């Protein structure tokens, strides 16, 4: 098992915070209510709690607040049931299958762990806990249980949940400033009001969307691609990806957007002169090479025509980079008449 910080504080069903580690041995089990195998082991965990709870805590960590209450009522649980509804703790503990069981010491160091249900593993765990705590074994009729039962995939591995967790994790590659929008605000109107838009509605650059966009390149998120005039602001891959999301790009368009930003910020192209002027100009970008076919750009027929996502959004992404990172906004340094 890879090293990680196991510490957490989660509320129980009464809303009271429960800390882990607690200074005494603990059995931590991650479950979800709609998993048949999780329901199978509830009586076993409750028996562990009744037998070992005085000297070693049993913490049931559920992946749904509503499901936790259902489990408690269905199985008449007396052990603490903790709410990991956002799956943030499950993500850090990094298991695949529920039930996921961990026997730990008072400092949170994991001694024994397994996932799913193999009767011999649960019996051995009972023997281990009883020996370490010097307590009599619980009265579990093990022959009533199957020899083996597969578990269920953990909820933190669901694609939508996992994308959100990866985007907000402490080791996330994203470092750009985040703006929280009130639930009553309209995302599109907010971005108009902030001056992010080129005049058309933008796609909200949520952390999940930016993470998907970053998957379109092998470059590091914090690599500086160019210094963008007229503000001479550094454009990282992450910030370019944010603007590519807003423009409506797909992740496989990102390498072209990055290459275009690099090109327009050279002294030879002189984007500073194009944007900080009263004259005005409309740059034209020509894309060459096999990537045109991979991302489905218009070429030969309708090369400058409308209706193609790649053609329309790549150029728009570059324009947004120059506007939002470089600061070239009409009426500001851009005084084109």
C-alpha atoms as a PDB file:
ATOM      1  CA  UNK A   1       0.000   0.000   0.000  1.00  0.00           C
ATOM      2  CA  UNK A   2       1.389   3.434  -0.871  1.00  0.00           C
ATOM      3  CA  UNK A   3       2.059   5.901   1.910  1.00  0.00           C
ATOM      4  CA  UNK A   4      -0.666   8.462   2.547  1.00  0.00           C
ATOM      5  CA  UNK A   5      -2.011  10.633   5.323  1.00  0.00           C
ATOM      6  CA  UNK A   6      -4.901   8.611   6.766  1.00  0.00           C
ATOM      7  CA  UNK A   7      -6.172  11.318   9.093  1.00  0.00           C
ATOM      8  CA  UNK A   8      -9.714  12.611   8.680  1.00  0.00           C
ATOM      9  CA  UNK A   9     -12.608  14.189  10.519  1.00  0.00           C
ATOM     10  CA  UNK A  10     -16.085  13.162   9.395  1.00  0.00           C
ATOM     11  CA  UNK A  11     -19.521  13.774  10.924  1.00  0.00           C
ATOM     12  CA  UNK A  12     -21.570  10.895  12.268  1.00  0.00           C
ATOM     13  CA  UNK A  13     -25.330  10.569  11.842  1.00  0.00           C
ATOM     14  CA  UNK A  14     -25.865  13.035  14.708  1.00  0.00           C
ATOM     15  CA  UNK A  15     -23.658  15.613  13.007  1.00  0.00           C
ATOM     16  CA  UNK A  16     -20.874  15.216  15.563  1.00  0.00           C
ATOM     17  CA  UNK A  17     -17.293  15.131  14.241  1.00  0.00           C
ATOM     18  CA  UNK A  18     -15.346  11.901  14.596  1.00  0.00           C
ATOM     19  CA  UNK A  19     -11.567  12.046  14.383  1.00  0.00           C
ATOM     20  CA  UNK A  20      -9.259   9.420  12.968  1.00  0.00           C
ATOM     21  CA  UNK A  21      -6.790   8.371  14.247  1.00  0.00           C
ATOM     22  CA  UNK A  22      -8.215   8.489  17.728  1.00  0.00           C
ATOM     23  CA  UNK A  23      -5.243   7.226  19.724  1.00  0.00           C
ATOM     24  CA  UNK A  24      -6.554   3.671  20.028  1.00  0.00           C
ATOM     25  CA  UNK A  25      -6.737   0.735  17.585  1.00  0.00           C
ATOM     26  CA  UNK A  26      -9.549   1.088  15.081  1.00  0.00           C
ATOM     27  CA  UNK A  27     -11.324  -0.976  12.472  1.00  0.00           C
ATOM     28  CA  UNK A  28     -12.265   1.300   9.571  1.00  0.00           C
ATOM     29  CA  UNK A  29     -14.649  -0.060   6.958  1.00  0.00           C
ATOM     30  CA  UNK A  30     -15.794   1.841   3.849  1.00  0.00           C
ATOM     31  CA  UNK A  31     -19.213   0.817   2.508  1.00  0.00           C
ATOM     32  CA  UNK A  32     -22.115   1.987   0.378  1.00  0.00           C
ATOM     33  CA  UNK A  33     -25.755   1.220   1.028  1.00  0.00           C
ATOM     34  CA  UNK A  34     -26.643  -0.276  -2.367  1.00  0.00           C
ATOM     35  CA  UNK A  35     -23.849  -2.885  -2.213  1.00  0.00           C
ATOM     36  CA  UNK A  36     -25.176  -6.351  -1.307  1.00  0.00           C
ATOM     37  CA  UNK A  37     -21.828  -7.460   0.100  1.00  0.00           C
ATOM     38  CA  UNK A  38     -21.658  -4.364   2.319  1.00  0.00           C
ATOM     39  CA  UNK A  39     -25.078  -5.289   3.690  1.00  0.00           C
ATOM     40  CA  UNK A  40     -23.877  -8.878   4.167  1.00  0.00           C
ATOM     41  CA  UNK A  41     -21.066  -7.784   6.510  1.00  0.00           C
ATOM     42  CA  UNK A  42     -23.120  -5.344   8.586  1.00  0.00           C
ATOM     43  CA  UNK A  43     -23.949  -7.946  11.280  1.00  0.00           C
ATOM     44  CA  UNK A  44     -20.265  -8.944  11.406  1.00  0.00           C
ATOM     45  CA  UNK A  45     -19.127  -5.361  11.890  1.00  0.00           C
ATOM     46  CA  UNK A  46     -21.819  -4.761  14.499  1.00  0.00           C
ATOM     47  CA  UNK A  47     -20.652  -7.884  16.365  1.00  0.00           C
ATOM     48  CA  UNK A  48     -17.056  -6.609  16.193  1.00  0.00           C
ATOM     49  CA  UNK A  49     -18.221  -3.295  17.612  1.00  0.00           C
ATOM     50  CA  UNK A  50     -20.096  -4.879  20.494  1.00  0.00           C
ATOM     51  CA  UNK A  51     -17.165  -7.158  21.349  1.00  0.00           C
ATOM     52  CA  UNK A  52     -14.141  -4.943  20.658  1.00  0.00           C
ATOM     53  CA  UNK A  53     -15.606  -1.440  20.815  1.00  0.00           C
ATOM     54  CA  UNK A  54     -14.552  -0.780  24.408  1.00  0.00           C
ATOM     55  CA  UNK A  55     -10.844  -1.091  23.530  1.00  0.00           C
ATOM     56  CA  UNK A  56     -10.769  -0.568  19.800  1.00  0.00           C
ATOM     57  CA  UNK A  57     -13.104   1.598  17.792  1.00  0.00           C
ATOM     58  CA  UNK A  58     -15.118   0.399  14.814  1.00  0.00           C
ATOM     59  CA  UNK A  59     -15.809   3.180  12.301  1.00  0.00           C
ATOM     60  CA  UNK A  60     -18.224   2.562   9.451  1.00  0.00           C
ATOM     61  CA  UNK A  61     -17.568   5.104   6.668  1.00  0.00           C
ATOM     62  CA  UNK A  62     -20.485   5.363   4.257  1.00  0.00           C
ATOM     63  CA  UNK A  63     -20.363   6.952   0.810  1.00  0.00           C
ATOM     64  CA  UNK A  64     -23.871   8.448   0.949  1.00  0.00           C
ATOM     65  CA  UNK A  65     -25.514  10.453   3.721  1.00  0.00           C
ATOM     66  CA  UNK A  66     -28.964   9.064   2.922  1.00  0.00           C
ATOM     67  CA  UNK A  67     -27.564   5.566   2.515  1.00  0.00           C
ATOM     68  CA  UNK A  68     -25.886   5.747   5.920  1.00  0.00           C
ATOM     69  CA  UNK A  69     -29.199   6.376   7.651  1.00  0.00           C
ATOM     70  CA  UNK A  70     -30.739   3.478   5.716  1.00  0.00           C
ATOM     71  CA  UNK A  71     -27.944   1.121   6.785  1.00  0.00           C
ATOM     72  CA  UNK A  72     -28.309   2.125  10.422  1.00  0.00           C
ATOM     73  CA  UNK A  73     -32.058   1.516  10.405  1.00  0.00           C
ATOM     74  CA  UNK A  74     -31.932  -1.658   8.313  1.00  0.00           C
ATOM     75  CA  UNK A  75     -29.335  -3.381  10.515  1.00  0.00           C
ATOM     76  CA  UNK A  76     -30.018  -1.698  13.888  1.00  0.00           C
ATOM     77  CA  UNK A  77     -26.427  -0.470  14.038  1.00  0.00           C
ATOM     78  CA  UNK A  78     -24.949   0.944  17.230  1.00  0.00           C
ATOM     79  CA  UNK A  79     -21.456   1.556  15.839  1.00  0.00           C
ATOM     80  CA  UNK A  80     -20.554   5.066  14.590  1.00  0.00           C
ATOM     81  CA  UNK A  81     -21.595   5.617  10.964  1.00  0.00           C
ATOM     82  CA  UNK A  82     -19.604   8.429   9.347  1.00  0.00           C
ATOM     83  CA  UNK A  83     -20.546  10.471   6.294  1.00  0.00           C
ATOM     84  CA  UNK A  84     -18.087  10.482   3.391  1.00  0.00           C
ATOM     85  CA  UNK A  85     -20.772  11.571   0.947  1.00  0.00           C
ATOM     86  CA  UNK A  86     -18.344  13.606  -1.164  1.00  0.00           C
ATOM     87  CA  UNK A  87     -15.961  10.594  -1.210  1.00  0.00           C
ATOM     88  CA  UNK A  88     -12.959  12.790  -0.388  1.00  0.00           C
ATOM     89  CA  UNK A  89     -11.670  10.385   2.280  1.00  0.00           C
ATOM     90  CA  UNK A  90     -12.347   7.366   0.067  1.00  0.00           C
ATOM     91  CA  UNK A  91     -10.283   9.060  -2.656  1.00  0.00           C
ATOM     92  CA  UNK A  92      -7.325   9.577  -0.324  1.00  0.00           C
ATOM     93  CA  UNK A  93      -7.450   6.003   1.005  1.00  0.00           C
ATOM     94  CA  UNK A  94      -7.411   4.849  -2.638  1.00  0.00           C
ATOM     95  CA  UNK A  95      -9.157   1.458  -2.597  1.00  0.00           C
ATOM     96  CA  UNK A  96     -11.209  -0.046  -5.415  1.00  0.00           C
ATOM     97  CA  UNK A  97     -13.842  -2.282  -3.852  1.00  0.00           C
ATOM     98  CA  UNK A  98     -16.303  -1.878  -0.991  1.00  0.00           C
ATOM     99  CA  UNK A  99     -16.441  -3.123   1.646  1.00  0.00           C
ATOM    100  CA  UNK A 100     -12.839  -1.992   2.179  1.00  0.00           C
ATOM    101  CA  UNK A 101     -11.547  -2.979   5.622  1.00  0.00           C
ATOM    102  CA  UNK A 102      -8.546  -1.599   7.523  1.00  0.00           C
ATOM    103  CA  UNK A 103      -7.304  -2.618  10.970  1.00  0.00           C
ATOM    104  CA  UNK A 104      -5.074   0.178  12.275  1.00  0.00           C
ATOM    105  CA  UNK A 105      -3.114   1.056  15.379  1.00  0.00           C
ATOM    106  CA  UNK A 106      -3.735   4.134  17.510  1.00  0.00           C
ATOM    107  CA  UNK A 107      -1.680   6.339  15.171  1.00  0.00           C
ATOM    108  CA  UNK A 108      -3.566   5.248  12.072  1.00  0.00           C
ATOM    109  CA  UNK A 109      -0.930   2.871  10.708  1.00  0.00           C
ATOM    110  CA  UNK A 110      -2.582   0.106   8.711  1.00  0.00           C
ATOM    111  CA  UNK A 111      -1.819  -3.427   9.863  1.00  0.00           C
ATOM    112  CA  UNK A 112      -4.317  -5.572   7.946  1.00  0.00           C
ATOM    113  CA  UNK A 113      -6.471  -4.631   4.986  1.00  0.00           C
ATOM    114  CA  UNK A 114      -8.627  -6.326   2.392  1.00  0.00           C
ATOM    115  CA  UNK A 115     -11.593  -5.643   0.118  1.00  0.00           C
ATOM    116  CA  UNK A 116     -14.810  -7.541  -0.565  1.00  0.00           C
ATOM    117  CA  UNK A 117     -15.762 -10.663   1.397  1.00  0.00           C
ATOM    118  CA  UNK A 118     -13.609 -13.755   1.781  1.00  0.00           C
ATOM    119  CA  UNK A 119     -14.816 -15.569   4.880  1.00  0.00           C
ATOM    120  CA  UNK A 120     -11.364 -16.822   5.895  1.00  0.00           C
ATOM    121  CA  UNK A 121      -9.981 -13.253   5.796  1.00  0.00           C
ATOM    122  CA  UNK A 122     -12.742 -11.952   8.058  1.00  0.00           C
ATOM    123  CA  UNK A 123     -12.280 -14.869  10.451  1.00  0.00           C
ATOM    124  CA  UNK A 124      -8.524 -14.244  10.579  1.00  0.00           C
ATOM    125  CA  UNK A 125      -9.198 -10.564  11.262  1.00  0.00           C
ATOM    126  CA  UNK A 126     -11.446 -11.485  14.173  1.00  0.00           C
ATOM    127  CA  UNK A 127      -8.691 -13.712  15.579  1.00  0.00           C
ATOM    128  CA  UNK A 128      -6.091 -10.946  15.138  1.00  0.00           C
ATOM    129  CA  UNK A 129      -8.178  -8.247  16.820  1.00  0.00           C
ATOM    130  CA  UNK A 130      -9.070 -10.568  19.692  1.00  0.00           C
ATOM    131  CA  UNK A 131      -5.424 -11.500  20.253  1.00  0.00           C
ATOM    132  CA  UNK A 132      -4.130  -7.908  20.066  1.00  0.00           C
ATOM    133  CA  UNK A 133      -6.814  -6.532  22.403  1.00  0.00           C
ATOM    134  CA  UNK A 134      -6.849  -9.609  24.670  1.00  0.00           C
ATOM    135  CA  UNK A 135     -10.602  -9.985  24.345  1.00  0.00           C
ATOM    136  CA  UNK A 136     -12.912 -12.933  23.811  1.00  0.00           C
ATOM    137  CA  UNK A 137     -14.064 -13.525  20.275  1.00  0.00           C
ATOM    138  CA  UNK A 138     -17.426 -12.273  19.099  1.00  0.00           C
ATOM    139  CA  UNK A 139     -20.275 -14.758  18.699  1.00  0.00           C
ATOM    140  CA  UNK A 140     -20.455 -14.907  14.915  1.00  0.00           C
ATOM    141  CA  UNK A 141     -21.797 -18.062  13.306  1.00  0.00           C
ATOM    142  CA  UNK A 142     -19.369 -18.084  10.402  1.00  0.00           C
ATOM    143  CA  UNK A 143     -20.874 -21.151   8.623  1.00  0.00           C
ATOM    144  CA  UNK A 144     -23.930 -18.978   7.938  1.00  0.00           C
ATOM    145  CA  UNK A 145     -21.804 -16.814   5.651  1.00  0.00           C
ATOM    146  CA  UNK A 146     -20.658 -17.723   2.119  1.00  0.00           C
ATOM    147  CA  UNK A 147     -17.019 -18.569   1.549  1.00  0.00           C
ATOM    148  CA  UNK A 148     -16.679 -15.712  -0.921  1.00  0.00           C
ATOM    149  CA  UNK A 149     -18.744 -12.816  -2.177  1.00  0.00           C
ATOM    150  CA  UNK A 150     -17.496 -10.079  -4.574  1.00  0.00           C
ATOM    151  CA  UNK A 151     -17.747  -6.490  -3.448  1.00  0.00           C
ATOM    152  CA  UNK A 152     -18.843  -3.451  -5.454  1.00  0.00           C
ATOM    153  CA  UNK A 153     -16.843  -0.691  -7.099  1.00  0.00           C
ATOM    154  CA  UNK A 154     -16.252   2.233  -4.774  1.00  0.00           C
ATOM    155  CA  UNK A 155     -18.281   5.343  -5.547  1.00  0.00           C
ATOM    156  CA  UNK A 156     -15.155   7.524  -5.613  1.00  0.00           C
ATOM    157  CA  UNK A 157     -14.156   5.709  -8.815  1.00  0.00           C
ATOM    158  CA  UNK A 158     -17.325   6.741 -10.670  1.00  0.00           C
ATOM    159  CA  UNK A 159     -16.008   8.872 -13.582  1.00  0.00           C
ATOM    160  CA  UNK A 160     -17.852  12.079 -12.669  1.00  0.00           C
ATOM    161  CA  UNK A 161     -17.005  11.801  -8.966  1.00  0.00           C
ATOM    162  CA  UNK A 162     -13.386  10.862  -9.663  1.00  0.00           C
ATOM    163  CA  UNK A 163     -12.885  13.797 -12.052  1.00  0.00           C
ATOM    164  CA  UNK A 164     -14.118  16.208  -9.387  1.00  0.00           C
ATOM    165  CA  UNK A 165     -11.900  14.658  -6.724  1.00  0.00           C
ATOM    166  CA  UNK A 166      -8.791  14.669  -8.926  1.00  0.00           C
ATOM    167  CA  UNK A 167      -9.408  18.286  -9.860  1.00  0.00           C
ATOM    168  CA  UNK A 168      -9.687  19.399  -6.227  1.00  0.00           C
ATOM    169  CA  UNK A 169      -7.066  17.092  -4.680  1.00  0.00           C
ATOM    170  CA  UNK A 170      -4.074  18.573  -2.903  1.00  0.00           C
ATOM    171  CA  UNK A 171      -1.779  17.214  -5.629  1.00  0.00           C
ATOM    172  CA  UNK A 172      -3.920  18.534  -8.475  1.00  0.00           C
ATOM    173  CA  UNK A 173      -1.833  20.079 -11.280  1.00  0.00           C
ATOM    174  CA  UNK A 174      -4.101  23.136 -11.355  1.00  0.00           C
ATOM    175  CA  UNK A 175      -2.955  26.310  -9.620  1.00  0.00           C
ATOM    176  CA  UNK A 176      -5.005  29.073 -11.254  1.00  0.00           C
ATOM    177  CA  UNK A 177      -7.160  31.301  -9.062  1.00  0.00           C
ATOM    178  CA  UNK A 178     -10.676  29.943  -8.657  1.00  0.00           C
ATOM    179  CA  UNK A 179     -13.797  32.092  -8.632  1.00  0.00           C
ATOM    180  CA  UNK A 180     -16.796  30.849  -6.704  1.00  0.00           C
ATOM    181  CA  UNK A 181     -20.173  31.749  -8.226  1.00  0.00           C
ATOM    182  CA  UNK A 182     -23.292  31.963  -6.098  1.00  0.00           C
ATOM    183  CA  UNK A 183     -25.833  29.246  -6.811  1.00  0.00           C
ATOM    184  CA  UNK A 184     -28.407  31.861  -7.879  1.00  0.00           C
ATOM    185  CA  UNK A 185     -26.041  33.442 -10.437  1.00  0.00           C
ATOM    186  CA  UNK A 186     -26.133  32.537 -14.125  1.00  0.00           C
ATOM    187  CA  UNK A 187     -22.713  31.234 -15.191  1.00  0.00           C
ATOM    188  CA  UNK A 188     -22.828  32.746 -18.665  1.00  0.00           C
ATOM    189  CA  UNK A 189     -24.005  36.153 -17.479  1.00  0.00           C
ATOM    190  CA  UNK A 190     -21.396  36.175 -14.713  1.00  0.00           C
ATOM    191  CA  UNK A 191     -18.591  35.595 -17.232  1.00  0.00           C
ATOM    192  CA  UNK A 192     -19.998  38.354 -19.447  1.00  0.00           C
ATOM    193  CA  UNK A 193     -20.028  40.714 -16.447  1.00  0.00           C
ATOM    194  CA  UNK A 194     -16.426  39.828 -15.567  1.00  0.00           C
ATOM    195  CA  UNK A 195     -15.261  40.683 -19.083  1.00  0.00           C
ATOM    196  CA  UNK A 196     -14.009  37.180 -19.893  1.00  0.00           C
ATOM    197  CA  UNK A 197     -16.078  36.834 -23.061  1.00  0.00           C
ATOM    198  CA  UNK A 198     -15.355  37.839 -26.634  1.00  0.00           C
ATOM    199  CA  UNK A 199     -19.041  38.694 -27.042  1.00  0.00           C
ATOM    200  CA  UNK A 200     -20.431  35.172 -27.243  1.00  0.00           C
ATOM    201  CA  UNK A 201     -21.416  32.832 -24.385  1.00  0.00           C
ATOM    202  CA  UNK A 202     -18.559  30.851 -22.839  1.00  0.00           C
ATOM    203  CA  UNK A 203     -18.365  27.284 -21.544  1.00  0.00           C
ATOM    204  CA  UNK A 204     -17.849  27.470 -17.745  1.00  0.00           C
ATOM    205  CA  UNK A 205     -14.272  26.247 -17.041  1.00  0.00           C
ATOM    206  CA  UNK A 206     -15.065  23.931 -14.135  1.00  0.00           C
ATOM    207  CA  UNK A 207     -12.116  22.052 -12.574  1.00  0.00           C
ATOM    208  CA  UNK A 208     -13.396  18.827 -14.100  1.00  0.00           C
ATOM    209  CA  UNK A 209     -13.493  20.313 -17.607  1.00  0.00           C
ATOM    210  CA  UNK A 210     -10.027  21.843 -17.229  1.00  0.00           C
ATOM    211  CA  UNK A 211      -8.609  18.494 -16.057  1.00  0.00           C
ATOM    212  CA  UNK A 212     -10.116  16.815 -19.127  1.00  0.00           C
ATOM    213  CA  UNK A 213      -8.632  19.535 -21.339  1.00  0.00           C
ATOM    214  CA  UNK A 214      -5.176  19.102 -19.772  1.00  0.00           C
ATOM    215  CA  UNK A 215      -5.323  15.430 -20.711  1.00  0.00           C
ATOM    216  CA  UNK A 216      -4.983  16.580 -24.321  1.00  0.00           C
ATOM    217  CA  UNK A 217      -1.290  17.425 -23.890  1.00  0.00           C
ATOM    218  CA  UNK A 218       1.786  15.804 -22.378  1.00  0.00           C
ATOM    219  CA  UNK A 219       3.132  19.147 -21.219  1.00  0.00           C
ATOM    220  CA  UNK A 220       3.079  20.019 -17.529  1.00  0.00           C
ATOM    221  CA  UNK A 221       0.183  22.185 -16.388  1.00  0.00           C
ATOM    222  CA  UNK A 222       2.520  24.828 -14.986  1.00  0.00           C
ATOM    223  CA  UNK A 223       4.886  24.945 -17.959  1.00  0.00           C
ATOM    224  CA  UNK A 224       5.069  28.508 -19.303  1.00  0.00           C
ATOM    225  CA  UNK A 225       4.236  28.475 -22.999  1.00  0.00           C
ATOM    226  CA  UNK A 226       4.726  32.181 -23.727  1.00  0.00           C
ATOM    227  CA  UNK A 227       4.684  35.670 -22.273  1.00  0.00           C
ATOM    228  CA  UNK A 228       1.557  37.286 -23.690  1.00  0.00           C
ATOM    229  CA  UNK A 229       1.476  41.001 -24.655  1.00  0.00           C
ATOM    230  CA  UNK A 230       0.436  43.660 -23.971  1.00  0.00           C
ATOM    231  CA  UNK A 231       0.423  42.888 -20.213  1.00  0.00           C
ATOM    232  CA  UNK A 232       3.442  40.584 -20.682  1.00  0.00           C
ATOM    233  CA  UNK A 233       1.709  37.966 -18.572  1.00  0.00           C
ATOM    234  CA  UNK A 234       2.993  34.371 -18.465  1.00  0.00           C
ATOM    235  CA  UNK A 235       0.643  31.898 -20.116  1.00  0.00           C
ATOM    236  CA  UNK A 236       0.900  28.471 -18.505  1.00  0.00           C
ATOM    237  CA  UNK A 237      -0.521  25.348 -20.097  1.00  0.00           C
ATOM    238  CA  UNK A 238      -3.208  25.388 -17.417  1.00  0.00           C
ATOM    239  CA  UNK A 239      -4.333  28.932 -18.216  1.00  0.00           C
ATOM    240  CA  UNK A 240      -4.368  28.196 -21.932  1.00  0.00           C
ATOM    241  CA  UNK A 241      -6.462  25.083 -21.177  1.00  0.00           C
ATOM    242  CA  UNK A 242      -8.930  27.203 -19.191  1.00  0.00           C
ATOM    243  CA  UNK A 243      -9.441  29.515 -22.158  1.00  0.00           C
ATOM    244  CA  UNK A 244      -9.696  26.533 -24.497  1.00  0.00           C
ATOM    245  CA  UNK A 245     -12.520  25.175 -22.340  1.00  0.00           C
ATOM    246  CA  UNK A 246     -14.304  28.528 -22.451  1.00  0.00           C
ATOM    247  CA  UNK A 247     -13.904  28.620 -26.233  1.00  0.00           C
ATOM    248  CA  UNK A 248     -15.570  25.220 -26.628  1.00  0.00           C
ATOM    249  CA  UNK A 249     -12.475  23.213 -27.649  1.00  0.00           C
ATOM    250  CA  UNK A 250     -12.066  19.486 -27.242  1.00  0.00           C
ATOM    251  CA  UNK A 251      -8.951  18.175 -25.416  1.00  0.00           C
ATOM    252  CA  UNK A 252      -7.389  16.934 -28.660  1.00  0.00           C
ATOM    253  CA  UNK A 253      -7.419  20.526 -29.962  1.00  0.00           C
ATOM    254  CA  UNK A 254      -5.198  21.764 -27.120  1.00  0.00           C
ATOM    255  CA  UNK A 255      -1.814  21.048 -28.795  1.00  0.00           C
ATOM    256  CA  UNK A 256      -2.854  23.253 -31.723  1.00  0.00           C
ATOM    257  CA  UNK A 257      -3.974  26.035 -29.381  1.00  0.00           C
ATOM    258  CA  UNK A 258      -0.665  25.852 -27.505  1.00  0.00           C
ATOM    259  CA  UNK A 259       1.338  25.937 -30.724  1.00  0.00           C
ATOM    260  CA  UNK A 260      -0.668  28.928 -31.943  1.00  0.00           C
ATOM    261  CA  UNK A 261      -0.120  30.846 -28.702  1.00  0.00           C
ATOM    262  CA  UNK A 262       3.611  30.165 -28.944  1.00  0.00           C
ATOM    263  CA  UNK A 263       3.624  31.409 -32.533  1.00  0.00           C
ATOM    264  CA  UNK A 264       1.707  34.663 -32.050  1.00  0.00           C
ATOM    265  CA  UNK A 265       3.811  35.643 -29.029  1.00  0.00           C
ATOM    266  CA  UNK A 266       7.087  35.616 -30.959  1.00  0.00           C
ATOM    267  CA  UNK A 267       8.816  38.861 -31.915  1.00  0.00           C
ATOM    268  CA  UNK A 268       8.414  37.897 -35.561  1.00  0.00           C
ATOM    269  CA  UNK A 269       4.614  37.811 -35.369  1.00  0.00           C
ATOM    270  CA  UNK A 270       4.369  40.748 -32.932  1.00  0.00           C
ATOM    271  CA  UNK A 271       0.936  40.235 -31.392  1.00  0.00           C
ATOM    272  CA  UNK A 272       1.684  43.303 -29.256  1.00  0.00           C
ATOM    273  CA  UNK A 273       1.617  45.470 -32.356  1.00  0.00           C
ATOM    274  CA  UNK A 274      -1.549  43.794 -33.597  1.00  0.00           C
ATOM    275  CA  UNK A 275      -3.482  44.372 -30.371  1.00  0.00           C
ATOM    276  CA  UNK A 276      -2.107  47.653 -29.012  1.00  0.00           C
ATOM    277  CA  UNK A 277      -2.923  49.894 -31.935  1.00  0.00           C
ATOM    278  CA  UNK A 278      -5.556  52.113 -33.516  1.00  0.00           C
ATOM    279  CA  UNK A 279      -5.178  50.323 -36.834  1.00  0.00           C
ATOM    280  CA  UNK A 280      -6.497  46.827 -36.097  1.00  0.00           C
ATOM    281  CA  UNK A 281      -5.856  43.579 -37.898  1.00  0.00           C
ATOM    282  CA  UNK A 282      -7.421  40.130 -38.214  1.00  0.00           C
ATOM    283  CA  UNK A 283      -4.758  37.415 -37.866  1.00  0.00           C
ATOM    284  CA  UNK A 284      -5.120  34.258 -39.932  1.00  0.00           C
ATOM    285  CA  UNK A 285      -3.865  30.923 -38.613  1.00  0.00           C
ATOM    286  CA  UNK A 286      -2.894  28.124 -40.995  1.00  0.00           C
ATOM    287  CA  UNK A 287      -2.652  24.617 -39.522  1.00  0.00           C
ATOM    288  CA  UNK A 288      -0.549  22.042 -41.355  1.00  0.00           C
ATOM    289  CA  UNK A 289       0.286  18.402 -40.730  1.00  0.00           C
ATOM    290  CA  UNK A 290      -1.511  15.158 -39.796  1.00  0.00           C
ATOM    291  CA  UNK A 291      -3.214  16.731 -36.798  1.00  0.00           C
ATOM    292  CA  UNK A 292      -5.652  18.412 -39.205  1.00  0.00           C
ATOM    293  CA  UNK A 293      -7.057  14.972 -39.992  1.00  0.00           C
ATOM    294  CA  UNK A 294      -6.963  13.709 -36.398  1.00  0.00           C
ATOM    295  CA  UNK A 295      -9.092  16.558 -35.088  1.00  0.00           C
ATOM    296  CA  UNK A 296     -11.319  16.854 -38.179  1.00  0.00           C
ATOM    297  CA  UNK A 297     -10.530  20.391 -39.316  1.00  0.00           C
ATOM    298  CA  UNK A 298     -12.076  21.806 -42.462  1.00  0.00           C
ATOM    299  CA  UNK A 299      -9.511  21.828 -45.280  1.00  0.00           C
ATOM    300  CA  UNK A 300      -9.710  22.046 -49.059  1.00  0.00           C
ATOM    301  CA  UNK A 301     -13.492  22.388 -48.912  1.00  0.00           C
ATOM    302  CA  UNK A 302     -14.785  25.215 -46.736  1.00  0.00           C
ATOM    303  CA  UNK A 303     -11.361  25.859 -45.190  1.00  0.00           C
ATOM    304  CA  UNK A 304     -12.542  29.305 -44.097  1.00  0.00           C
ATOM    305  CA  UNK A 305     -16.181  28.277 -43.800  1.00  0.00           C
ATOM    306  CA  UNK A 306     -18.464  28.022 -40.813  1.00  0.00           C
ATOM    307  CA  UNK A 307     -19.862  25.016 -39.026  1.00  0.00           C
ATOM    308  CA  UNK A 308     -16.675  23.186 -38.005  1.00  0.00           C
ATOM    309  CA  UNK A 309     -15.964  22.977 -34.296  1.00  0.00           C
ATOM    310  CA  UNK A 310     -12.186  22.658 -34.547  1.00  0.00           C
ATOM    311  CA  UNK A 311     -11.790  25.580 -36.956  1.00  0.00           C
ATOM    312  CA  UNK A 312     -14.115  27.815 -34.964  1.00  0.00           C
ATOM    313  CA  UNK A 313     -12.976  27.076 -31.425  1.00  0.00           C
ATOM    314  CA  UNK A 314      -9.193  26.896 -31.873  1.00  0.00           C
ATOM    315  CA  UNK A 315      -9.040  30.434 -33.214  1.00  0.00           C
ATOM    316  CA  UNK A 316     -11.452  31.582 -30.540  1.00  0.00           C
ATOM    317  CA  UNK A 317      -9.296  29.998 -27.824  1.00  0.00           C
ATOM    318  CA  UNK A 318      -6.243  31.929 -29.028  1.00  0.00           C
ATOM    319  CA  UNK A 319      -8.296  35.133 -29.068  1.00  0.00           C
ATOM    320  CA  UNK A 320      -9.433  34.499 -25.480  1.00  0.00           C
ATOM    321  CA  UNK A 321      -5.856  33.834 -24.369  1.00  0.00           C
ATOM    322  CA  UNK A 322      -4.762  37.183 -25.809  1.00  0.00           C
ATOM    323  CA  UNK A 323      -7.744  38.871 -24.173  1.00  0.00           C
ATOM    324  CA  UNK A 324      -7.851  37.226 -20.758  1.00  0.00           C
ATOM    325  CA  UNK A 325      -4.152  36.559 -20.138  1.00  0.00           C
ATOM    326  CA  UNK A 326      -2.559  39.284 -22.235  1.00  0.00           C
ATOM    327  CA  UNK A 327      -5.175  41.944 -21.436  1.00  0.00           C
ATOM    328  CA  UNK A 328      -5.845  42.994 -25.034  1.00  0.00           C
ATOM    329  CA  UNK A 329      -9.475  44.060 -24.745  1.00  0.00           C
ATOM    330  CA  UNK A 330     -11.284  46.421 -27.121  1.00  0.00           C
ATOM    331  CA  UNK A 331     -11.483  49.869 -25.633  1.00  0.00           C
ATOM    332  CA  UNK A 332      -8.413  49.287 -23.469  1.00  0.00           C
ATOM    333  CA  UNK A 333      -5.020  49.081 -25.120  1.00  0.00           C
ATOM    334  CA  UNK A 334      -6.800  47.874 -28.234  1.00  0.00           C
ATOM    335  CA  UNK A 335      -8.011  51.169 -29.738  1.00  0.00           C
ATOM    336  CA  UNK A 336      -8.788  49.859 -33.202  1.00  0.00           C
ATOM    337  CA  UNK A 337     -11.174  52.067 -35.081  1.00  0.00           C
END
